[in-house]
Amino acid sequence: MEQEITFGTKLLNGFLSLTVITLVGILLTVVVCLILWAVGVF
């Protein structure tokens, strides 16, 4: 049972990590676009 719990926890942690990385990437992209827009690139 412990191995199953460990595997499930690793799977969940991996999924959460990917989700966080994706959200941070989107957030950074939006911030960079806003900065470029404020500077007048677009």
N, C-alpha and C. Protein backbone atom coordinates (compact mmCIF):
# COMPACT_ATOMS: atom_id res chain seq x y z
N MET A 1 0.84 -1.20 0.00
CA MET A 1 0.00 0.00 0.00
C MET A 1 0.87 1.25 0.00
N GLU A 2 1.99 1.20 0.72
CA GLU A 2 2.84 2.38 0.81
C GLU A 2 3.39 2.76 -0.56
N GLN A 3 3.74 1.73 -1.36
CA GLN A 3 4.29 2.02 -2.69
C GLN A 3 3.23 2.71 -3.55
N GLU A 4 1.98 2.26 -3.46
CA GLU A 4 0.92 2.86 -4.26
C GLU A 4 0.71 4.32 -3.85
N ILE A 5 0.72 4.56 -2.54
CA ILE A 5 0.54 5.92 -2.05
C ILE A 5 1.70 6.80 -2.53
N THR A 6 2.92 6.26 -2.45
CA THR A 6 4.09 7.02 -2.88
C THR A 6 3.99 7.35 -4.37
N PHE A 7 3.59 6.34 -5.17
CA PHE A 7 3.47 6.56 -6.61
C PHE A 7 2.40 7.61 -6.90
N GLY A 8 1.28 7.51 -6.21
CA GLY A 8 0.20 8.47 -6.41
C GLY A 8 0.64 9.87 -6.02
N THR A 9 1.39 9.96 -4.93
CA THR A 9 1.88 11.27 -4.48
C THR A 9 2.85 11.85 -5.48
N LYS A 10 3.75 11.01 -6.01
CA LYS A 10 4.71 11.48 -7.01
C LYS A 10 3.96 11.95 -8.25
N LEU A 11 2.97 11.19 -8.68
CA LEU A 11 2.20 11.54 -9.86
C LEU A 11 1.49 12.87 -9.65
N LEU A 12 0.88 13.03 -8.45
CA LEU A 12 0.17 14.27 -8.14
C LEU A 12 1.13 15.44 -8.09
N ASN A 13 2.29 15.25 -7.44
CA ASN A 13 3.29 16.31 -7.34
C ASN A 13 3.79 16.70 -8.73
N GLY A 14 4.03 15.72 -9.59
CA GLY A 14 4.49 16.00 -10.94
C GLY A 14 3.45 16.80 -11.72
N PHE A 15 2.18 16.40 -11.58
CA PHE A 15 1.10 17.11 -12.27
C PHE A 15 0.99 18.54 -11.77
N LEU A 16 1.06 18.71 -10.44
CA LEU A 16 0.97 20.06 -9.86
C LEU A 16 2.16 20.90 -10.30
N SER A 17 3.33 20.30 -10.37
CA SER A 17 4.53 21.04 -10.79
C SER A 17 4.35 21.54 -12.23
N LEU A 18 3.87 20.65 -13.11
CA LEU A 18 3.64 21.05 -14.51
C LEU A 18 2.61 22.17 -14.59
N THR A 19 1.56 22.05 -13.79
CA THR A 19 0.51 23.08 -13.80
C THR A 19 1.07 24.42 -13.34
N VAL A 20 1.86 24.40 -12.26
CA VAL A 20 2.44 25.64 -11.73
C VAL A 20 3.38 26.26 -12.75
N ILE A 21 4.24 25.41 -13.37
CA ILE A 21 5.19 25.92 -14.37
C ILE A 21 4.42 26.55 -15.54
N THR A 22 3.35 25.89 -15.96
CA THR A 22 2.55 26.42 -17.08
C THR A 22 1.92 27.76 -16.71
N LEU A 23 1.33 27.84 -15.50
CA LEU A 23 0.71 29.09 -15.08
C LEU A 23 1.73 30.21 -14.96
N VAL A 24 2.90 29.90 -14.40
CA VAL A 24 3.95 30.91 -14.24
C VAL A 24 4.42 31.38 -15.62
N GLY A 25 4.55 30.44 -16.56
CA GLY A 25 4.97 30.80 -17.91
C GLY A 25 3.97 31.73 -18.57
N ILE A 26 2.69 31.43 -18.42
CA ILE A 26 1.65 32.28 -19.00
C ILE A 26 1.69 33.65 -18.34
N LEU A 27 1.84 33.68 -17.02
CA LEU A 27 1.87 34.94 -16.29
C LEU A 27 3.05 35.79 -16.74
N LEU A 28 4.23 35.17 -16.87
CA LEU A 28 5.42 35.90 -17.31
C LEU A 28 5.21 36.44 -18.73
N THR A 29 4.61 35.63 -19.59
CA THR A 29 4.37 36.06 -20.96
C THR A 29 3.45 37.28 -20.98
N VAL A 30 2.40 37.25 -20.18
CA VAL A 30 1.46 38.37 -20.13
C VAL A 30 2.17 39.62 -19.60
N VAL A 31 2.97 39.46 -18.54
CA VAL A 31 3.68 40.60 -17.96
C VAL A 31 4.64 41.20 -18.99
N VAL A 32 5.39 40.35 -19.68
CA VAL A 32 6.35 40.84 -20.69
C VAL A 32 5.60 41.58 -21.80
N CYS A 33 4.48 41.03 -22.25
CA CYS A 33 3.70 41.69 -23.30
C CYS A 33 3.19 43.05 -22.83
N LEU A 34 2.73 43.11 -21.58
CA LEU A 34 2.24 44.38 -21.04
C LEU A 34 3.37 45.40 -20.97
N ILE A 35 4.55 44.97 -20.54
CA ILE A 35 5.70 45.88 -20.46
C ILE A 35 6.05 46.39 -21.85
N LEU A 36 6.12 45.47 -22.84
CA LEU A 36 6.46 45.88 -24.21
C LEU A 36 5.39 46.83 -24.75
N TRP A 37 4.12 46.55 -24.43
CA TRP A 37 3.04 47.41 -24.90
C TRP A 37 3.15 48.79 -24.24
N ALA A 38 3.49 48.82 -22.94
CA ALA A 38 3.62 50.09 -22.23
C ALA A 38 4.79 50.90 -22.80
N VAL A 39 5.87 50.20 -23.17
CA VAL A 39 7.05 50.88 -23.73
C VAL A 39 6.73 51.40 -25.12
N GLY A 40 5.85 50.70 -25.83
CA GLY A 40 5.44 51.17 -27.15
C GLY A 40 5.97 50.31 -28.29
N VAL A 41 6.32 49.06 -27.98
CA VAL A 41 6.84 48.18 -29.03
C VAL A 41 5.68 47.77 -29.95
N PHE A 42 4.53 47.48 -29.34
CA PHE A 42 3.39 47.07 -30.15
C PHE A 42 2.53 48.27 -30.51
